[in-house]
Amino acid sequence: MIEHSPAPVIAKPTRHRRTPQQQRWLRVGFFFIDQILIFTGFALAYVLRYQILWPPPFDQIVAEVAIENMVPFRAFLPIVFILQVLLGARFIVRGFYRPSRRMTLTDEATAITGSVITMIALLIVVVFLYRPFFYSRLIFAFAAVTIIVLLLSWRILLIGIRHWFWSRGLGRERVVVVGSTGLGQLVMHALTASPGAGYTLVGYLSDQPIISGNRARVFHHLGDLHDLEQVIEAYHIQQVIIALPFWQYDQLPELVARCQHMGIEYQIAPDIYQLSFDRVDIMHLSGVPLLQPKEIQLHGLNLFFKRTFDLAAVLLTLPITVPLAAIIALVIWLDSGRPIIFRQQRVGKNGRLFTCYKFRTMIPDAEQRRRELLAYNEADGPLFKMRDDPRVTRVGRWLRRTSLDELPQLFNVLLGDMSLIGPRPALPEEVERYEPWHHRRLAVQPGLACLPQALGRSEISFDEQVRLDIYYAENWTFSLDLRILMMVIPAILSGRGAW
């Protein structure tokens, strides 16, 4: 049962809460406003360069040449269109249009400035290779400045409007705090004392309600910890802040799992600094540190770009990989006969099972003999590895050292079960032995190559491998994929950690 306290007044759910469809249209609106500002910024640069003639020519001859070389604005329209497309795609990839309190004005200013300068520089190279003496170089410098100024001014205005609404109780996120000790009360005091932060405190959950005594402020006790789901549904909660004391941290994984199951955002106020800070973003609420898990970057347009690259890379390398695979298959057949391909059930994205293909590197009855060798396992965690596994064939040992046994997994990439870069696919029995935090590595597609493979393969502990996989999922960029590919090649050639 959910407990109710009659004393405090509960914040009522706002009638103006945006639906997911309204939020999508709002993001589309912001996107088109940015497009208009990019076009306007380029038009202002044109006015400065060709109509105002700023900076003014230092003599009459230069002025006459500038007038003779006047270019109509319509000549720049294709360039402006390309710039709008490039910057629009870049902003989408950077998550500018996803509602988030994590991105500060400083973050946006840095991202906008870097994106605009990069795309302008790219346009300069392309334009002057095509028409080297047709356009003024100075207009591109003006465009970079005017576009950055307009985009940043728009975002400063947005932030001001947002805080104005928040300070008047409009558009805030409805928050419940889990915990009633000194830390929980500190968080609740900070929430109520900071209306401009955009949160409305609905109440708190705790197995031990606060005894108010003579204190002026009384927070509403909504129920015990096991009432979390009912409270979220009953009070339309949008954000959960977990502020448990350190002696209740054994309940933290369950609370996090329940929030994730309901699709509710959550943050953690640490009572002790023993958490892994490489997997969280740190926010501050009136001096109180809040930890929020980083988002998985591989979704939406990012996932589309990654999938496109995977397919293009596999198809373009077929003239090399197909003959190589044929040679390896022949060598395996001559060395130890059939089967040549080893099929095995593996765990993919979000726990989905799929058939993984590899060149066979062990004797045919290797799986049946595995139980006999469990006592000789040299890997930690749920993995099973042996440096001198007696089941490995002569050719198989060489294939494992060079990772060529994984060449058939290019077929898994074509099927969409795997990616070129991603955490290595796990066996179902390994996943069964995972600790709760290990499962986050399953939030992205498995891959042929991964960050742990580039940094040492079997020489790295299992927990460290998982941490690296989670880091990859939460910090993915296309350049990170390229760096991993370049790191994996020397790691494979050296054979470091391959056993």
Protein backbone atom coordinates (compact mmCIF):
# COMPACT_ATOMS: atom_id res chain seq x y z
CA MET A 1 0.00 0.00 0.00
CA ILE A 2 1.11 3.58 -0.72
CA GLU A 3 1.19 5.68 2.43
CA HIS A 4 -0.20 9.20 2.33
CA SER A 5 0.51 12.05 4.70
CA PRO A 6 -2.30 14.63 5.02
CA ALA A 7 -0.12 17.57 6.05
CA PRO A 8 1.85 18.57 2.93
CA VAL A 9 0.32 19.79 -0.29
CA ILE A 10 1.21 17.56 -3.23
CA ALA A 11 2.23 19.13 -6.50
CA LYS A 12 -0.47 18.32 -9.03
CA PRO A 13 0.51 16.93 -12.43
CA THR A 14 0.83 19.70 -14.96
CA ARG A 15 -1.86 19.85 -17.63
CA HIS A 16 0.70 21.16 -20.09
CA ARG A 17 2.99 18.16 -20.03
CA ARG A 18 4.19 17.56 -23.57
CA THR A 19 3.38 14.28 -25.25
CA PRO A 20 6.13 12.40 -27.13
CA GLN A 21 4.58 13.58 -30.40
CA GLN A 22 4.66 17.21 -29.24
CA GLN A 23 8.29 16.79 -28.20
CA ARG A 24 9.15 15.42 -31.65
CA TRP A 25 7.48 18.39 -33.36
CA LEU A 26 9.31 20.73 -30.98
CA ARG A 27 12.64 19.17 -31.95
CA VAL A 28 11.72 19.51 -35.64
CA GLY A 29 10.89 23.17 -35.01
CA PHE A 30 14.27 23.80 -33.35
CA PHE A 31 15.98 22.08 -36.27
CA PHE A 32 14.32 24.36 -38.83
CA ILE A 33 15.06 27.46 -36.73
CA ASP A 34 18.74 26.47 -36.82
CA GLN A 35 18.50 26.05 -40.58
CA ILE A 36 17.00 29.55 -40.93
CA LEU A 37 19.76 31.00 -38.74
CA ILE A 38 22.48 29.30 -40.80
CA PHE A 39 20.99 30.76 -43.99
CA THR A 40 20.62 34.19 -42.34
CA GLY A 41 24.21 34.08 -41.08
CA PHE A 42 25.53 33.40 -44.57
CA ALA A 43 23.34 36.19 -46.00
CA LEU A 44 24.74 38.64 -43.41
CA ALA A 45 28.25 37.58 -44.38
CA TYR A 46 27.40 38.31 -48.02
CA VAL A 47 26.10 41.78 -47.12
CA LEU A 48 29.26 42.56 -45.15
CA ARG A 49 31.57 41.39 -47.92
CA TYR A 50 29.86 42.51 -51.13
CA GLN A 51 27.48 45.34 -50.22
CA ILE A 52 29.01 47.13 -47.25
CA LEU A 53 32.49 46.21 -48.52
CA TRP A 54 33.77 45.69 -44.98
CA PRO A 55 36.61 45.94 -44.22
CA PRO A 56 36.89 48.98 -46.50
CA PRO A 57 39.45 48.80 -49.38
CA PHE A 58 42.70 50.56 -48.59
CA ASP A 59 42.82 52.33 -52.01
CA GLN A 60 40.64 53.12 -55.02
CA ILE A 61 42.10 50.43 -57.27
CA VAL A 62 41.25 47.67 -54.80
CA ALA A 63 37.74 49.08 -54.46
CA GLU A 64 37.21 49.02 -58.22
CA VAL A 65 38.47 45.42 -58.43
CA ALA A 66 36.11 44.42 -55.61
CA ILE A 67 33.14 45.96 -57.46
CA GLU A 68 34.12 44.24 -60.71
CA ASN A 69 34.35 40.87 -58.94
CA MET A 70 30.89 41.25 -57.40
CA VAL A 71 29.14 37.87 -57.21
CA PRO A 72 25.31 37.70 -56.94
CA PHE A 73 23.95 36.02 -53.81
CA ARG A 74 22.16 33.37 -55.86
CA ALA A 75 25.59 32.01 -56.88
CA PHE A 76 26.14 31.08 -53.24
CA LEU A 77 22.80 29.29 -52.78
CA PRO A 78 24.17 25.76 -53.56
CA ILE A 79 26.98 26.36 -51.05
CA VAL A 80 24.53 27.56 -48.40
CA PHE A 81 22.33 24.50 -48.99
CA ILE A 82 25.28 22.12 -48.61
CA LEU A 83 26.36 23.93 -45.42
CA GLN A 84 22.83 23.63 -44.00
CA VAL A 85 22.74 19.90 -44.72
CA LEU A 86 26.19 19.29 -43.21
CA LEU A 87 25.55 21.31 -40.06
CA GLY A 88 22.05 19.89 -39.65
CA ALA A 89 23.38 16.32 -39.80
CA ARG A 90 26.22 17.22 -37.46
CA PHE A 91 23.87 18.76 -34.89
CA ILE A 92 21.56 15.73 -35.01
CA VAL A 93 24.51 13.38 -34.43
CA ARG A 94 25.70 15.52 -31.50
CA GLY A 95 22.25 15.25 -29.89
CA PHE A 96 21.37 18.95 -30.04
CA TYR A 97 17.68 18.22 -30.52
CA ARG A 98 17.28 15.60 -27.80
CA PRO A 99 15.99 17.20 -24.58
CA SER A 100 18.78 16.94 -22.02
CA ARG A 101 19.81 18.87 -18.93
CA ARG A 102 23.34 17.56 -19.25
CA MET A 103 24.39 19.89 -22.08
CA THR A 104 25.28 23.29 -20.65
CA LEU A 105 25.67 26.50 -22.62
CA THR A 106 29.45 25.97 -22.53
CA ASP A 107 29.03 22.48 -24.02
CA GLU A 108 26.75 23.80 -26.77
CA ALA A 109 29.05 26.75 -27.51
CA THR A 110 32.04 24.43 -27.86
CA ALA A 111 30.14 21.98 -30.07
CA ILE A 112 28.61 24.70 -32.27
CA THR A 113 31.90 26.53 -32.76
CA GLY A 114 33.79 23.34 -33.60
CA SER A 115 31.08 22.09 -35.98
CA VAL A 116 30.72 25.38 -37.86
CA ILE A 117 34.47 25.91 -38.27
CA THR A 118 34.98 22.31 -39.42
CA MET A 119 32.21 22.44 -42.02
CA ILE A 120 33.22 25.90 -43.28
CA ALA A 121 36.81 24.70 -43.67
CA LEU A 122 35.58 21.65 -45.60
CA LEU A 123 33.50 23.89 -47.89
CA ILE A 124 36.46 26.17 -48.55
CA VAL A 125 38.55 23.23 -49.72
CA VAL A 126 35.80 21.85 -51.96
CA VAL A 127 34.75 25.22 -53.41
CA PHE A 128 38.21 26.43 -54.28
CA LEU A 129 39.19 23.13 -55.84
CA TYR A 130 36.16 23.52 -58.10
CA ARG A 131 36.23 27.30 -58.78
CA PRO A 132 39.51 28.64 -57.35
CA PHE A 133 39.11 32.35 -58.29
CA PHE A 134 35.35 32.77 -58.35
CA TYR A 135 34.44 33.29 -54.69
CA SER A 136 35.86 35.55 -52.00
CA ARG A 137 37.61 33.67 -49.21
CA LEU A 138 36.68 36.38 -46.76
CA ILE A 139 32.95 35.65 -47.03
CA PHE A 140 33.50 32.20 -45.53
CA ALA A 141 35.31 33.68 -42.53
CA PHE A 142 32.45 36.18 -42.08
CA ALA A 143 29.91 33.34 -42.42
CA ALA A 144 31.61 31.31 -39.69
CA VAL A 145 31.41 34.23 -37.26
CA THR A 146 27.85 35.31 -38.07
CA ILE A 147 26.45 31.75 -37.97
CA ILE A 148 28.13 31.01 -34.62
CA VAL A 149 26.86 34.28 -33.14
CA LEU A 150 23.28 33.70 -34.33
CA LEU A 151 23.15 30.07 -33.15
CA LEU A 152 24.59 30.91 -29.73
CA SER A 153 22.29 33.92 -29.32
CA TRP A 154 19.30 31.70 -30.07
CA ARG A 155 20.40 29.18 -27.46
CA ILE A 156 21.02 31.85 -24.84
CA LEU A 157 17.49 33.11 -25.49
CA LEU A 158 16.12 29.56 -25.16
CA ILE A 159 17.91 29.03 -21.84
CA GLY A 160 16.56 32.32 -20.53
CA ILE A 161 13.00 31.47 -21.56
CA ARG A 162 13.29 27.99 -20.06
CA HIS A 163 14.50 29.30 -16.71
CA TRP A 164 11.77 31.97 -16.74
CA PHE A 165 9.12 29.25 -17.12
CA TRP A 166 10.77 27.03 -14.50
CA SER A 167 10.92 29.84 -11.94
CA ARG A 168 7.14 30.22 -12.35
CA GLY A 169 6.42 26.52 -11.93
CA LEU A 170 5.84 25.77 -15.62
CA GLY A 171 7.36 22.87 -17.52
CA ARG A 172 9.22 21.40 -14.57
CA GLU A 173 10.01 17.70 -14.24
CA ARG A 174 8.17 15.94 -11.43
CA VAL A 175 10.70 14.31 -9.09
CA VAL A 176 10.56 11.75 -6.31
CA VAL A 177 13.52 11.26 -3.98
CA VAL A 178 14.37 7.76 -2.74
CA GLY A 179 15.86 8.09 0.74
CA SER A 180 15.13 10.06 3.91
CA THR A 181 18.49 10.29 5.70
CA GLY A 182 20.58 13.45 5.86
CA LEU A 183 21.58 13.03 2.21
CA GLY A 184 17.98 12.57 1.04
CA GLN A 185 16.83 15.59 3.03
CA LEU A 186 19.71 17.65 1.63
CA VAL A 187 18.59 16.77 -1.90
CA MET A 188 14.97 17.64 -1.12
CA HIS A 189 15.93 20.99 0.42
CA ALA A 190 18.05 21.74 -2.66
CA LEU A 191 15.16 20.88 -5.00
CA THR A 192 12.68 23.13 -3.21
CA ALA A 193 15.21 25.95 -2.85
CA SER A 194 16.12 25.96 -6.57
CA PRO A 195 12.95 26.54 -8.62
CA GLY A 196 15.09 27.64 -11.56
CA ALA A 197 16.62 24.16 -11.80
CA GLY A 198 13.44 22.87 -13.45
CA TYR A 199 12.33 20.28 -10.87
CA THR A 200 9.16 19.94 -8.79
CA LEU A 201 9.58 17.79 -5.69
CA VAL A 202 6.54 15.54 -5.31
CA GLY A 203 7.75 13.67 -2.24
CA TYR A 204 10.05 10.90 -1.09
CA LEU A 205 10.13 7.14 -0.58
CA SER A 206 11.65 5.59 2.51
CA ASP A 207 11.13 2.68 4.85
CA GLN A 208 11.64 5.16 7.71
CA PRO A 209 9.60 8.38 7.32
CA ILE A 210 11.10 11.65 8.48
CA ILE A 211 10.00 12.75 11.94
CA SER A 212 9.31 16.43 11.35
CA GLY A 213 9.27 17.68 14.94
CA ASN A 214 9.18 21.47 15.02
CA ARG A 215 10.79 21.99 11.61
CA ALA A 216 8.95 24.34 9.27
CA ARG A 217 9.37 22.29 6.11
CA VAL A 218 7.69 18.89 5.88
CA PHE A 219 8.29 16.69 2.82
CA HIS A 220 5.58 14.30 1.71
CA HIS A 221 6.16 10.64 2.46
CA LEU A 222 4.75 8.69 -0.48
CA GLY A 223 5.49 5.15 0.68
CA ASP A 224 8.19 2.53 1.15
CA LEU A 225 10.90 1.62 -1.36
CA HIS A 226 8.84 -1.25 -2.75
CA ASP A 227 6.09 1.28 -3.69
CA LEU A 228 8.29 2.87 -6.38
CA GLU A 229 6.28 1.67 -9.39
CA GLN A 230 2.92 2.61 -7.88
CA VAL A 231 4.17 6.09 -6.93
CA ILE A 232 5.60 6.71 -10.40
CA GLU A 233 2.26 5.81 -11.98
CA ALA A 234 0.05 7.58 -9.43
CA TYR A 235 1.94 10.90 -9.37
CA HIS A 236 3.19 10.98 -12.99
CA ILE A 237 6.83 11.01 -11.91
CA GLN A 238 9.35 11.92 -14.63
CA GLN A 239 12.61 11.74 -12.65
CA VAL A 240 13.84 9.64 -9.72
CA ILE A 241 16.74 10.79 -7.55
CA ILE A 242 18.19 7.95 -5.49
CA ALA A 243 19.77 9.33 -2.31
CA LEU A 244 20.29 6.23 -0.19
CA PRO A 245 22.84 6.04 2.63
CA PHE A 246 25.83 3.81 1.94
CA TRP A 247 24.50 1.02 4.19
CA GLN A 248 21.52 0.63 1.83
CA TYR A 249 23.58 0.44 -1.36
CA ASP A 250 22.72 -3.25 -1.68
CA GLN A 251 19.26 -2.06 -2.81
CA LEU A 252 20.69 0.26 -5.47
CA PRO A 253 20.87 -2.30 -8.35
CA GLU A 254 17.24 -3.32 -7.83
CA LEU A 255 16.02 0.31 -7.76
CA VAL A 256 18.00 1.11 -10.90
CA ALA A 257 16.61 -1.95 -12.67
CA ARG A 258 13.05 -0.97 -11.74
CA CYS A 259 13.56 2.56 -13.11
CA GLN A 260 15.03 1.18 -16.32
CA HIS A 261 12.16 -1.28 -16.69
CA MET A 262 9.64 1.58 -16.48
CA GLY A 263 11.68 3.82 -18.77
CA ILE A 264 12.04 6.50 -16.08
CA GLU A 265 15.15 8.69 -15.92
CA TYR A 266 17.07 8.40 -12.69
CA GLN A 267 20.02 10.07 -11.01
CA ILE A 268 22.12 9.02 -8.03
CA ALA A 269 23.27 11.25 -5.19
CA PRO A 270 26.40 9.48 -3.87
CA ASP A 271 26.77 9.09 -0.13
CA ILE A 272 30.31 7.80 -0.57
CA TYR A 273 32.56 8.22 -3.58
CA GLN A 274 32.99 4.53 -4.38
CA LEU A 275 31.12 4.52 -7.68
CA SER A 276 32.67 4.20 -11.13
CA PHE A 277 32.82 7.79 -12.33
CA ASP A 278 33.82 6.86 -15.88
CA ARG A 279 30.27 5.66 -16.59
CA VAL A 280 28.31 8.63 -15.27
CA ASP A 281 27.79 12.31 -15.92
CA ILE A 282 28.12 14.52 -12.85
CA MET A 283 25.58 17.30 -12.32
CA HIS A 284 25.17 19.70 -9.42
CA LEU A 285 22.03 20.86 -7.67
CA SER A 286 22.82 23.71 -5.29
CA GLY A 287 26.10 22.05 -4.36
CA VAL A 288 24.68 18.51 -4.15
CA PRO A 289 26.41 16.20 -6.68
CA LEU A 290 24.04 14.10 -8.78
CA LEU A 291 25.20 11.18 -10.89
CA GLN A 292 23.32 10.21 -14.01
CA PRO A 293 24.36 7.25 -16.19
CA LYS A 294 25.61 8.21 -19.61
CA GLU A 295 23.36 7.54 -22.55
CA ILE A 296 24.15 4.86 -25.09
CA GLN A 297 25.32 6.78 -28.16
CA LEU A 298 24.48 4.11 -30.73
CA HIS A 299 20.90 4.93 -31.67
CA GLY A 300 19.08 6.95 -34.29
CA LEU A 301 21.27 8.57 -36.91
CA ASN A 302 24.47 7.34 -35.24
CA LEU A 303 23.30 3.75 -35.61
CA PHE A 304 22.35 4.39 -39.26
CA PHE A 305 25.83 5.79 -40.05
CA LYS A 306 27.53 2.88 -38.29
CA ARG A 307 25.41 0.30 -40.14
CA THR A 308 26.07 2.00 -43.48
CA PHE A 309 29.82 1.95 -42.82
CA ASP A 310 29.70 -1.74 -41.83
CA LEU A 311 27.91 -2.77 -45.02
CA ALA A 312 30.12 -0.64 -47.24
CA ALA A 313 33.33 -1.94 -45.63
CA VAL A 314 32.28 -5.60 -45.89
CA LEU A 315 31.09 -5.35 -49.51
CA LEU A 316 34.13 -3.38 -50.69
CA THR A 317 36.57 -5.87 -49.14
CA LEU A 318 34.87 -8.99 -50.57
CA PRO A 319 37.47 -9.34 -53.40
CA ILE A 320 40.08 -9.81 -50.66
CA THR A 321 38.18 -11.64 -47.94
CA VAL A 322 36.49 -14.26 -50.16
CA PRO A 323 39.73 -15.69 -51.67
CA LEU A 324 41.39 -15.54 -48.24
CA ALA A 325 38.46 -17.41 -46.67
CA ALA A 326 38.64 -20.05 -49.41
CA ILE A 327 42.35 -20.63 -48.73
CA ILE A 328 41.78 -20.90 -44.97
CA ALA A 329 38.92 -23.34 -45.51
CA LEU A 330 41.16 -25.54 -47.69
CA VAL A 331 43.96 -25.51 -45.08
CA ILE A 332 41.53 -26.49 -42.29
CA TRP A 333 40.13 -29.32 -44.39
CA LEU A 334 43.62 -30.66 -45.17
CA ASP A 335 44.70 -30.37 -41.52
CA SER A 336 41.75 -31.81 -39.60
CA GLY A 337 38.90 -32.45 -42.03
CA ARG A 338 35.34 -31.30 -41.54
CA PRO A 339 33.46 -29.34 -40.35
CA ILE A 340 35.21 -26.19 -41.55
CA ILE A 341 32.76 -23.69 -40.10
CA PHE A 342 31.97 -23.73 -36.38
CA ARG A 343 28.45 -22.53 -35.47
CA GLN A 344 27.62 -21.42 -31.97
CA GLN A 345 24.76 -19.63 -30.19
CA ARG A 346 25.85 -16.22 -28.94
CA VAL A 347 24.12 -13.37 -27.12
CA GLY A 348 23.61 -10.22 -29.19
CA LYS A 349 22.13 -6.80 -28.63
CA ASN A 350 19.63 -6.64 -25.73
CA GLY A 351 20.14 -10.34 -25.00
CA ARG A 352 18.91 -11.62 -28.40
CA LEU A 353 20.39 -14.98 -29.38
CA PHE A 354 21.93 -15.47 -32.82
CA THR A 355 24.12 -18.00 -34.60
CA CYS A 356 27.75 -16.89 -34.73
CA TYR A 357 30.06 -18.27 -37.42
CA LYS A 358 33.80 -18.94 -37.08
CA PHE A 359 36.42 -21.06 -38.73
CA ARG A 360 36.83 -24.21 -36.64
CA THR A 361 40.03 -24.02 -34.59
CA MET A 362 39.43 -27.02 -32.30
CA ILE A 363 38.87 -30.72 -32.62
CA PRO A 364 35.26 -31.65 -33.54
CA ASP A 365 34.23 -32.77 -30.02
CA ALA A 366 35.76 -29.75 -28.27
CA GLU A 367 32.49 -28.66 -26.61
CA GLN A 368 31.99 -32.08 -25.03
CA ARG A 369 35.53 -32.03 -23.56
CA ARG A 370 35.19 -28.54 -22.09
CA ARG A 371 33.90 -29.77 -18.72
CA GLU A 372 37.02 -31.88 -18.30
CA LEU A 373 39.18 -28.75 -18.55
CA LEU A 374 37.23 -26.35 -16.30
CA ALA A 375 39.75 -26.83 -13.49
CA TYR A 376 42.48 -25.42 -15.77
CA ASN A 377 40.64 -22.19 -16.58
CA GLU A 378 43.07 -19.22 -16.59
CA ALA A 379 40.49 -16.46 -17.18
CA ASP A 380 38.57 -14.59 -14.50
CA GLY A 381 34.86 -13.88 -14.37
CA PRO A 382 32.50 -16.04 -16.42
CA LEU A 383 35.02 -16.61 -19.25
CA PHE A 384 36.87 -19.85 -19.98
CA LYS A 385 40.36 -19.61 -21.52
CA MET A 386 43.54 -21.70 -21.50
CA ARG A 387 46.92 -20.70 -22.86
CA ASP A 388 47.70 -24.25 -24.05
CA ASP A 389 44.24 -25.63 -24.70
CA PRO A 390 44.76 -29.24 -25.88
CA ARG A 391 41.62 -29.05 -28.02
CA VAL A 392 43.10 -26.45 -30.40
CA THR A 393 44.42 -27.80 -33.71
CA ARG A 394 47.75 -26.81 -35.32
CA VAL A 395 46.07 -24.56 -37.88
CA GLY A 396 43.60 -23.35 -35.26
CA ARG A 397 46.39 -22.02 -33.07
CA TRP A 398 47.68 -19.87 -35.93
CA LEU A 399 44.16 -18.73 -36.83
CA ARG A 400 43.49 -17.66 -33.24
CA ARG A 401 46.78 -15.80 -32.99
CA THR A 402 45.93 -13.79 -36.13
CA SER A 403 42.14 -13.61 -35.39
CA LEU A 404 41.48 -14.97 -38.89
CA ASP A 405 39.19 -17.58 -37.35
CA GLU A 406 36.63 -14.76 -37.00
CA LEU A 407 36.57 -13.98 -40.73
CA PRO A 408 33.21 -15.77 -41.30
CA GLN A 409 31.63 -13.30 -38.87
CA LEU A 410 31.59 -10.83 -41.77
CA PHE A 411 28.51 -12.80 -42.78
CA ASN A 412 27.02 -11.99 -39.34
CA VAL A 413 27.71 -8.33 -40.09
CA LEU A 414 25.81 -8.57 -43.38
CA LEU A 415 22.90 -10.23 -41.56
CA GLY A 416 22.83 -7.41 -39.01
CA ASP A 417 23.64 -9.64 -36.03
CA MET A 418 27.03 -8.00 -35.52
CA SER A 419 29.01 -4.89 -36.34
CA LEU A 420 32.65 -4.49 -37.34
CA ILE A 421 33.38 -2.76 -34.02
CA GLY A 422 31.63 -3.60 -30.77
CA PRO A 423 31.87 -5.81 -27.65
CA ARG A 424 32.71 -9.41 -28.42
CA PRO A 425 29.58 -11.64 -28.42
CA ALA A 426 29.20 -13.66 -25.23
CA LEU A 427 28.02 -17.23 -24.69
CA PRO A 428 24.59 -17.68 -23.03
CA GLU A 429 26.16 -19.50 -20.07
CA GLU A 430 28.56 -16.58 -19.58
CA VAL A 431 25.70 -14.07 -19.56
CA GLU A 432 23.91 -16.15 -16.93
CA ARG A 433 26.88 -15.52 -14.62
CA TYR A 434 26.99 -11.76 -15.27
CA GLU A 435 26.72 -9.32 -12.39
CA PRO A 436 23.90 -6.76 -12.87
CA TRP A 437 26.21 -4.01 -14.17
CA HIS A 438 27.81 -6.34 -16.74
CA HIS A 439 24.55 -6.46 -18.72
CA ARG A 440 25.02 -2.88 -19.94
CA ARG A 441 27.58 -4.15 -22.47
CA LEU A 442 24.66 -5.92 -24.20
CA ALA A 443 23.00 -2.59 -25.04
CA VAL A 444 24.86 -2.40 -28.37
CA GLN A 445 25.55 -4.84 -31.18
CA PRO A 446 28.53 -7.16 -30.68
CA GLY A 447 31.45 -6.74 -33.04
CA LEU A 448 34.40 -8.45 -34.70
CA ALA A 449 36.87 -6.09 -33.05
CA CYS A 450 36.60 -4.25 -29.75
CA LEU A 451 38.49 -1.89 -27.50
CA PRO A 452 39.72 -4.65 -25.11
CA GLN A 453 41.05 -6.56 -28.13
CA ALA A 454 43.03 -3.50 -29.18
CA LEU A 455 44.45 -3.00 -25.68
CA GLY A 456 45.58 -6.48 -24.78
CA ARG A 457 42.87 -9.11 -25.42
CA SER A 458 43.14 -11.95 -22.90
CA GLU A 459 45.70 -10.10 -20.75
CA ILE A 460 42.94 -7.77 -19.49
CA SER A 461 40.68 -8.86 -16.63
CA PHE A 462 37.03 -9.54 -17.41
CA ASP A 463 35.72 -6.61 -15.37
CA GLU A 464 38.12 -4.26 -17.13
CA GLN A 465 36.99 -5.63 -20.50
CA VAL A 466 33.38 -4.91 -19.56
CA ARG A 467 34.28 -1.40 -18.43
CA LEU A 468 35.98 -0.77 -21.78
CA ASP A 469 32.95 -2.14 -23.65
CA ILE A 470 30.62 0.13 -21.67
CA TYR A 471 32.93 3.08 -22.30
CA TYR A 472 32.72 2.34 -26.03
CA ALA A 473 28.91 2.17 -25.97
CA GLU A 474 28.55 5.42 -24.02
CA ASN A 475 31.23 7.40 -25.90
CA TRP A 476 30.85 6.08 -29.45
CA THR A 477 31.94 8.24 -32.34
CA PHE A 478 32.85 7.33 -35.89
CA SER A 479 36.43 8.45 -35.21
CA LEU A 480 36.55 6.08 -32.19
CA ASP A 481 35.67 3.17 -34.50
CA LEU A 482 38.47 4.17 -36.86
CA ARG A 483 40.96 4.45 -33.98
CA ILE A 484 40.01 1.01 -32.68
CA LEU A 485 40.51 -0.46 -36.16
CA MET A 486 43.96 1.12 -36.38
CA MET A 487 44.83 -0.18 -32.89
CA VAL A 488 43.56 -3.70 -33.52
CA ILE A 489 45.80 -4.27 -36.55
CA PRO A 490 49.14 -4.02 -34.67
CA ALA A 491 47.66 -5.91 -31.71
CA ILE A 492 46.76 -8.81 -34.02
CA LEU A 493 50.10 -8.75 -35.82
CA SER A 494 51.98 -8.86 -32.51
CA GLY A 495 49.75 -11.65 -31.17
CA ARG A 496 49.68 -9.94 -27.76
CA GLY A 497 47.12 -11.55 -25.45
CA ALA A 498 45.91 -14.04 -28.08
CA TRP A 499 45.33 -17.44 -26.50
